Amino acid sequence: MGSSQGASLPAAFDDLEIGIVLRDPETGAALDVNHRIEELYGYSRSELLEMDIEQFTAPSTKFSQDEAVRRLRAASAGESQAFEWRIERPTGELVWIRVRLNRTTIDDATCIIAEVREITEYKARERRLRLLNRVVRHNLRNETNVLMGYADRLKQAIKEKTLEEEVETILEIASEIGTLSDSIRQIEEIATPDATQRSPTDIGELVEEIVSEVRADATATEITVDIQDDVCVNADTGLRHAITHAIDNAIEHNDRGVPSVEVSVTIDSATGQAEIDVSDNGPPIPDVEIDVLREDVEASATYHGSGIGLWVIQWCVNSLGGELVFEENTPRGNVVRFLLPRVDRSEP
């Protein structure tokens, strides 16, 4: 067999809806790509042929150049490879893909042909089903059981004429069930294709509107806004839901006499993405609330507090191709950070 260097894809591959990359089995170098790959990755053919795989891998994806070469060599030995992977476009948008590697021969040279399909929507649906399963199986069932228990206590309270406390508790539980229902509705709204119209959105203006509404309801809270940069993202009403949840959580779960919340808007210096930070001075968000957002964590208990709100935030950020980051605030509190791809105001 000859060297794979110089091998190229037949012209007919440009007509395929599936992305195709031709790679050298030893070095992993890209030898050729079709038009669909340029559309999917957001880079030109000439750029892709010069790039290492790590350069367009999403930062949170643990997938190195060495791992890529290992899979390529396994495919070269006749072991077909299939795996999921998250890439980062030049805009900062994160996209899920499924890759299948197989050995092929072109011009008497052994090459690896990679078939690439976008699966972002599939991954979103998969996560939505997992979330709804958790909510129904755990939170909703548990709240209903508690409600039934308090109904029995209410019967006893009627006899003892101590109604007020029991009724207040029932109203709180019913309110939490209503909140769960609202959050599920918001997630459906974000996840359903074409359910909402995305358009270039001025983040500073959106934050000012949301904070103005929250201030009217939370008069005992100090809320400050710091718009450092003029930033625009392609967004829908889901982003309003997400920012509102982040601010509400920061207030509701704060243990200070006067909760303090700051919402800042800037451009992330490392990635160039739009950055929205919601910072508070409250107690740390429990690890269980954050861990449950990870795909590999199975629910084993009821998630109270900010859990469902965090799911709405995560869902919105994922649907916009962004990333959600949790950090500790200094000297105390939390920072919930949205990183979203920026757009020009003129973009559709």
Protein backbone atom coordinates (compact mmCIF):
# COMPACT_ATOMS: atom_id res chain seq x y z
CA MET A 1 0.00 0.00 0.00
CA GLY A 2 1.20 3.50 -0.78
CA SER A 3 1.29 6.57 1.44
CA SER A 4 -2.03 8.19 2.25
CA GLN A 5 -0.55 11.65 1.78
CA GLY A 6 -2.10 13.30 -1.24
CA ALA A 7 -5.23 11.13 -1.10
CA SER A 8 -8.46 13.04 -1.64
CA LEU A 9 -12.20 12.43 -1.61
CA PRO A 10 -14.09 11.86 -4.87
CA ALA A 11 -16.03 15.00 -5.94
CA ALA A 12 -19.36 13.19 -5.40
CA PHE A 13 -18.79 13.32 -1.62
CA ASP A 14 -19.57 17.05 -1.69
CA ASP A 15 -23.19 16.19 -2.52
CA LEU A 16 -23.68 14.16 0.68
CA GLU A 17 -25.72 15.45 3.63
CA ILE A 18 -23.39 13.62 5.99
CA GLY A 19 -20.00 15.12 6.91
CA ILE A 20 -16.95 13.21 5.65
CA VAL A 21 -13.32 13.61 6.77
CA LEU A 22 -10.48 11.60 5.21
CA ARG A 23 -7.61 11.09 7.67
CA ASP A 24 -4.12 9.60 7.76
CA PRO A 25 -4.29 6.46 9.96
CA GLU A 26 -0.89 7.03 11.56
CA THR A 27 -0.76 10.77 12.30
CA GLY A 28 -4.47 11.58 12.38
CA ALA A 29 -3.88 14.44 9.96
CA ALA A 30 -6.88 15.50 7.88
CA LEU A 31 -6.28 14.80 4.18
CA ASP A 32 -9.58 16.06 2.80
CA VAL A 33 -13.10 17.09 3.89
CA ASN A 34 -16.40 17.53 2.08
CA HIS A 35 -18.58 20.69 2.03
CA ARG A 36 -20.86 19.39 4.80
CA ILE A 37 -17.93 19.31 7.24
CA GLU A 38 -17.15 22.96 6.50
CA GLU A 39 -20.80 23.83 7.29
CA LEU A 40 -20.88 21.67 10.42
CA TYR A 41 -17.56 22.74 11.95
CA GLY A 42 -17.67 26.37 10.80
CA TYR A 43 -14.12 26.31 9.38
CA SER A 44 -12.98 26.28 5.76
CA ARG A 45 -11.39 23.23 4.14
CA SER A 46 -7.95 24.88 4.13
CA GLU A 47 -8.23 25.70 7.85
CA LEU A 48 -9.38 22.19 8.80
CA LEU A 49 -6.50 20.56 6.94
CA GLU A 50 -4.07 22.54 9.11
CA MET A 51 -5.82 22.05 12.48
CA ASP A 52 -5.30 19.46 15.19
CA ILE A 53 -8.45 17.80 16.49
CA GLU A 54 -7.97 19.44 19.90
CA GLN A 55 -8.29 22.89 18.32
CA PHE A 56 -12.00 22.50 17.60
CA THR A 57 -12.88 20.26 20.54
CA ALA A 58 -15.17 21.83 23.16
CA PRO A 59 -13.15 22.82 26.28
CA SER A 60 -15.26 20.62 28.58
CA THR A 61 -14.85 17.55 26.32
CA LYS A 62 -12.15 15.21 27.57
CA PHE A 63 -10.95 14.13 24.13
CA SER A 64 -7.28 14.64 23.28
CA GLN A 65 -5.30 14.41 20.05
CA ASP A 66 -3.67 11.23 21.45
CA GLU A 67 -7.10 9.65 22.05
CA ALA A 68 -8.14 10.59 18.52
CA VAL A 69 -5.04 8.97 17.03
CA ARG A 70 -5.61 5.83 19.15
CA ARG A 71 -9.11 5.47 17.72
CA LEU A 72 -7.86 6.13 14.19
CA ARG A 73 -5.22 3.42 14.48
CA ALA A 74 -7.80 0.98 15.86
CA ALA A 75 -9.99 1.73 12.83
CA SER A 76 -6.95 1.23 10.58
CA ALA A 77 -6.54 -2.25 12.11
CA GLY A 78 -10.11 -3.06 11.08
CA GLU A 79 -11.90 -2.18 14.35
CA SER A 80 -14.71 0.19 13.39
CA GLN A 81 -15.05 3.05 15.90
CA ALA A 82 -18.19 4.96 16.90
CA PHE A 83 -18.38 7.68 19.56
CA GLU A 84 -20.02 10.96 20.54
CA TRP A 85 -18.03 14.16 20.77
CA ARG A 86 -18.65 17.88 21.27
CA ILE A 87 -17.02 20.42 18.98
CA GLU A 88 -16.62 24.18 19.28
CA ARG A 89 -17.30 26.38 16.25
CA PRO A 90 -15.29 29.59 15.67
CA THR A 91 -18.25 31.54 17.13
CA GLY A 92 -17.90 29.65 20.42
CA GLU A 93 -21.07 27.64 19.78
CA LEU A 94 -20.87 24.06 21.10
CA VAL A 95 -22.32 21.27 18.94
CA TRP A 96 -22.75 17.54 19.60
CA ILE A 97 -21.73 15.14 16.82
CA ARG A 98 -21.55 11.37 16.37
CA VAL A 99 -18.46 10.06 14.60
CA ARG A 100 -17.95 6.68 12.93
CA LEU A 101 -14.46 5.66 11.76
CA ASN A 102 -13.80 2.96 9.17
CA ARG A 103 -10.83 1.83 7.12
CA THR A 104 -10.92 2.42 3.37
CA THR A 105 -8.55 2.35 0.42
CA ILE A 106 -8.12 5.31 -1.93
CA ASP A 107 -5.52 5.32 -4.70
CA ASP A 108 -3.93 2.15 -3.23
CA ALA A 109 -3.42 3.90 0.12
CA THR A 110 -5.04 2.93 3.42
CA CYS A 111 -6.99 5.83 4.87
CA ILE A 112 -9.57 6.36 7.57
CA ILE A 113 -12.92 7.74 6.54
CA ALA A 114 -14.84 9.55 9.30
CA GLU A 115 -18.60 9.90 8.94
CA VAL A 116 -19.86 12.83 11.04
CA ARG A 117 -23.48 13.56 11.92
CA GLU A 118 -24.79 16.40 14.07
CA ILE A 119 -26.78 15.03 17.03
CA THR A 120 -27.35 18.21 19.08
CA GLU A 121 -31.14 17.90 18.82
CA TYR A 122 -31.01 14.19 19.68
CA LYS A 123 -28.87 14.88 22.76
CA ALA A 124 -31.28 17.64 23.79
CA ARG A 125 -34.28 15.32 23.56
CA GLU A 126 -32.42 12.60 25.44
CA ARG A 127 -31.61 14.98 28.30
CA ARG A 128 -35.16 16.36 28.35
CA LEU A 129 -36.59 12.86 28.80
CA ARG A 130 -34.11 12.17 31.58
CA LEU A 131 -35.03 15.41 33.33
CA LEU A 132 -38.78 14.89 33.10
CA ASN A 133 -38.34 11.33 34.38
CA ARG A 134 -36.42 12.64 37.39
CA VAL A 135 -38.94 15.37 38.14
CA VAL A 136 -41.96 13.09 37.91
CA ARG A 137 -40.40 10.11 39.70
CA HIS A 138 -38.82 12.05 42.54
CA ASN A 139 -39.87 15.63 43.16
CA LEU A 140 -43.50 15.44 42.13
CA ARG A 141 -44.17 12.05 43.72
CA ASN A 142 -42.50 13.09 46.96
CA GLU A 143 -44.37 16.41 47.14
CA THR A 144 -47.66 14.60 46.56
CA ASN A 145 -46.90 12.13 49.35
CA VAL A 146 -46.08 14.99 51.72
CA LEU A 147 -49.27 16.79 50.69
CA MET A 148 -51.32 13.68 51.46
CA GLY A 149 -49.61 13.41 54.84
CA TYR A 150 -50.46 16.99 55.70
CA ALA A 151 -54.05 16.42 54.62
CA ASP A 152 -54.25 13.72 57.29
CA ARG A 153 -52.69 16.11 59.80
CA LEU A 154 -55.22 18.73 58.78
CA LYS A 155 -58.03 16.37 59.79
CA GLN A 156 -56.43 16.09 63.22
CA ALA A 157 -55.81 19.85 63.38
CA ILE A 158 -59.49 20.50 62.77
CA LYS A 159 -60.24 18.51 65.91
CA GLU A 160 -57.53 20.39 67.85
CA LYS A 161 -58.34 23.79 66.29
CA THR A 162 -54.67 24.42 65.24
CA LEU A 163 -55.42 24.97 61.57
CA GLU A 164 -53.32 27.95 60.53
CA GLU A 165 -49.84 26.35 60.59
CA GLU A 166 -50.98 23.21 58.76
CA VAL A 167 -52.77 25.20 56.06
CA GLU A 168 -49.69 27.39 55.51
CA THR A 169 -47.53 24.30 54.97
CA ILE A 170 -50.01 22.84 52.49
CA LEU A 171 -50.05 26.12 50.56
CA GLU A 172 -46.21 26.12 50.42
CA ILE A 173 -46.13 22.56 49.07
CA ALA A 174 -48.82 23.33 46.51
CA SER A 175 -46.83 26.42 45.44
CA GLU A 176 -43.69 24.29 44.94
CA ILE A 177 -45.64 21.83 42.79
CA GLY A 178 -46.84 24.82 40.75
CA THR A 179 -43.25 25.98 40.35
CA LEU A 180 -42.26 22.52 39.10
CA SER A 181 -45.06 22.69 36.55
CA ASP A 182 -43.96 26.16 35.39
CA SER A 183 -40.34 24.99 35.03
CA ILE A 184 -41.37 21.96 32.97
CA ARG A 185 -43.46 24.23 30.73
CA GLN A 186 -40.46 26.54 30.25
CA ILE A 187 -38.20 23.60 29.37
CA GLU A 188 -40.74 22.37 26.80
CA GLU A 189 -40.89 25.88 25.36
CA ILE A 190 -37.11 26.06 25.03
CA ALA A 191 -36.72 22.53 23.67
CA THR A 192 -39.51 22.44 21.10
CA PRO A 193 -38.18 23.40 17.63
CA ASP A 194 -39.67 26.66 16.31
CA ALA A 195 -41.62 27.13 19.55
CA THR A 196 -39.93 30.48 20.02
CA GLN A 197 -38.38 32.86 17.53
CA ARG A 198 -34.69 33.55 18.09
CA SER A 199 -33.34 36.96 17.19
CA PRO A 200 -30.32 39.14 18.04
CA THR A 201 -30.86 40.20 21.65
CA ASP A 202 -29.08 42.99 23.54
CA ILE A 203 -28.04 41.26 26.77
CA GLY A 204 -27.64 44.52 28.71
CA GLU A 205 -31.17 45.65 27.86
CA LEU A 206 -32.59 42.21 28.72
CA VAL A 207 -30.82 42.14 32.10
CA GLU A 208 -32.03 45.66 32.94
CA GLU A 209 -35.63 44.65 32.17
CA ILE A 210 -35.45 41.46 34.25
CA VAL A 211 -33.78 43.18 37.24
CA SER A 212 -36.40 45.95 37.16
CA GLU A 213 -39.16 43.33 37.40
CA VAL A 214 -37.39 41.40 40.19
CA ARG A 215 -36.75 44.58 42.21
CA ALA A 216 -40.48 45.31 42.23
CA ASP A 217 -41.12 41.95 43.94
CA ALA A 218 -37.97 41.70 46.10
CA THR A 219 -37.83 45.08 47.81
CA ALA A 220 -35.66 43.77 50.69
CA THR A 221 -32.85 42.74 48.33
CA GLU A 222 -29.88 44.76 47.05
CA ILE A 223 -29.62 44.09 43.31
CA THR A 224 -26.95 45.84 41.25
CA VAL A 225 -26.32 45.72 37.51
CA ASP A 226 -22.93 46.15 35.85
CA ILE A 227 -23.06 46.33 32.03
CA GLN A 228 -19.37 46.38 31.07
CA ASP A 229 -19.75 45.67 27.35
CA ASP A 230 -22.35 46.08 24.62
CA VAL A 231 -23.09 42.41 23.89
CA CYS A 232 -25.62 40.74 21.58
CA VAL A 233 -26.57 37.04 21.33
CA ASN A 234 -29.06 35.10 19.22
CA ALA A 235 -31.69 34.19 21.81
CA ASP A 236 -35.35 33.50 22.51
CA THR A 237 -37.61 33.80 25.55
CA GLY A 238 -35.77 30.87 27.14
CA LEU A 239 -32.87 33.18 28.01
CA ARG A 240 -35.24 35.45 29.95
CA HIS A 241 -36.49 32.41 31.90
CA ALA A 242 -32.92 31.31 32.65
CA ILE A 243 -31.62 34.68 33.87
CA THR A 244 -34.76 35.15 35.98
CA HIS A 245 -34.28 31.72 37.60
CA ALA A 246 -30.63 32.53 38.38
CA ILE A 247 -31.57 35.81 40.10
CA ASP A 248 -34.57 34.32 41.93
CA ASN A 249 -32.45 31.43 43.23
CA ALA A 250 -29.78 33.85 44.46
CA ILE A 251 -32.44 35.72 46.46
CA GLU A 252 -34.65 32.85 47.64
CA HIS A 253 -31.84 30.68 49.03
CA ASN A 254 -29.90 33.57 50.61
CA ASP A 255 -29.48 33.44 54.40
CA ARG A 256 -28.42 37.07 54.90
CA GLY A 257 -30.71 39.70 56.41
CA VAL A 258 -30.43 41.70 53.19
CA PRO A 259 -29.52 39.44 50.24
CA SER A 260 -27.05 41.01 47.79
CA VAL A 261 -27.07 40.08 44.11
CA GLU A 262 -25.01 41.51 41.24
CA VAL A 263 -25.71 40.82 37.57
CA SER A 264 -22.87 41.69 35.21
CA VAL A 265 -22.58 41.55 31.42
CA THR A 266 -19.21 41.46 29.68
CA ILE A 267 -17.17 39.71 26.98
CA ASP A 268 -15.17 36.73 28.22
CA SER A 269 -11.49 37.53 27.69
CA ALA A 270 -10.50 33.91 27.02
CA THR A 271 -13.22 32.85 24.55
CA GLY A 272 -14.68 36.11 23.24
CA GLN A 273 -18.15 34.85 24.18
CA ALA A 274 -20.91 36.87 25.81
CA GLU A 275 -20.67 36.44 29.58
CA ILE A 276 -23.50 36.96 32.07
CA ASP A 277 -22.58 36.56 35.75
CA VAL A 278 -25.17 36.33 38.54
CA SER A 279 -23.23 36.70 41.81
CA ASP A 280 -24.63 36.48 45.34
CA ASN A 281 -23.49 36.50 48.98
CA GLY A 282 -25.52 33.47 50.10
CA PRO A 283 -24.56 29.94 51.15
CA PRO A 284 -22.93 27.64 48.57
CA ILE A 285 -25.24 25.91 46.12
CA PRO A 286 -25.34 22.28 47.37
CA ASP A 287 -23.20 19.92 45.32
CA VAL A 288 -26.20 17.63 44.79
CA GLU A 289 -28.01 20.46 42.95
CA ILE A 290 -25.10 20.94 40.52
CA ASP A 291 -24.12 17.26 40.21
CA VAL A 292 -27.59 16.28 39.01
CA LEU A 293 -27.05 18.44 35.91
CA ARG A 294 -24.29 16.07 34.78
CA GLU A 295 -25.44 13.41 32.36
CA ASP A 296 -23.69 10.56 34.18
CA VAL A 297 -25.38 11.16 37.56
CA GLU A 298 -28.47 9.13 38.34
CA ALA A 299 -31.15 10.63 40.56
CA SER A 300 -31.41 8.86 43.90
CA ALA A 301 -33.24 11.45 45.98
CA THR A 302 -35.62 14.35 45.70
CA TYR A 303 -33.99 17.56 44.53
CA HIS A 304 -35.39 20.59 46.30
CA GLY A 305 -34.29 24.20 46.39
CA SER A 306 -32.71 25.55 43.25
CA GLY A 307 -32.47 22.20 41.46
CA ILE A 308 -35.29 22.57 38.94
CA GLY A 309 -34.42 26.21 38.28
CA LEU A 310 -30.84 25.16 37.55
CA TRP A 311 -32.19 22.63 35.04
CA VAL A 312 -34.06 25.40 33.23
CA ILE A 313 -30.86 27.47 33.14
CA GLN A 314 -28.79 24.51 31.90
CA TRP A 315 -31.39 23.66 29.28
CA CYS A 316 -31.51 27.18 27.92
CA VAL A 317 -27.72 27.55 27.76
CA ASN A 318 -27.37 24.19 25.99
CA SER A 319 -30.09 25.06 23.48
CA LEU A 320 -28.20 28.25 22.56
CA GLY A 321 -24.89 26.39 22.08
CA GLY A 322 -23.37 27.90 25.21
CA GLU A 323 -21.85 26.74 28.48
CA LEU A 324 -22.93 27.07 32.13
CA VAL A 325 -20.24 27.49 34.81
CA PHE A 326 -20.57 27.53 38.62
CA GLU A 327 -17.94 29.22 40.78
CA GLU A 328 -17.51 30.32 44.40
CA ASN A 329 -17.87 34.05 45.03
CA THR A 330 -15.39 36.00 47.18
CA PRO A 331 -15.54 36.31 50.15
CA ARG A 332 -18.79 34.31 50.20
CA GLY A 333 -21.51 33.16 47.86
CA ASN A 334 -21.92 31.83 44.34
CA VAL A 335 -21.34 32.92 40.76
CA VAL A 336 -23.59 31.42 38.08
CA ARG A 337 -21.95 32.19 34.72
CA PHE A 338 -23.57 32.03 31.29
CA LEU A 339 -21.18 31.83 28.30
CA LEU A 340 -23.01 32.31 24.99
CA PRO A 341 -21.96 32.78 21.34
CA ARG A 342 -22.05 36.46 20.31
CA VAL A 343 -23.70 37.75 17.13
CA ASP A 344 -23.92 41.08 15.32
CA ARG A 345 -27.18 42.97 15.68
CA SER A 346 -27.77 42.64 11.95
CA GLU A 347 -27.63 38.83 11.93
CA PRO A 348 -30.97 37.02 11.52
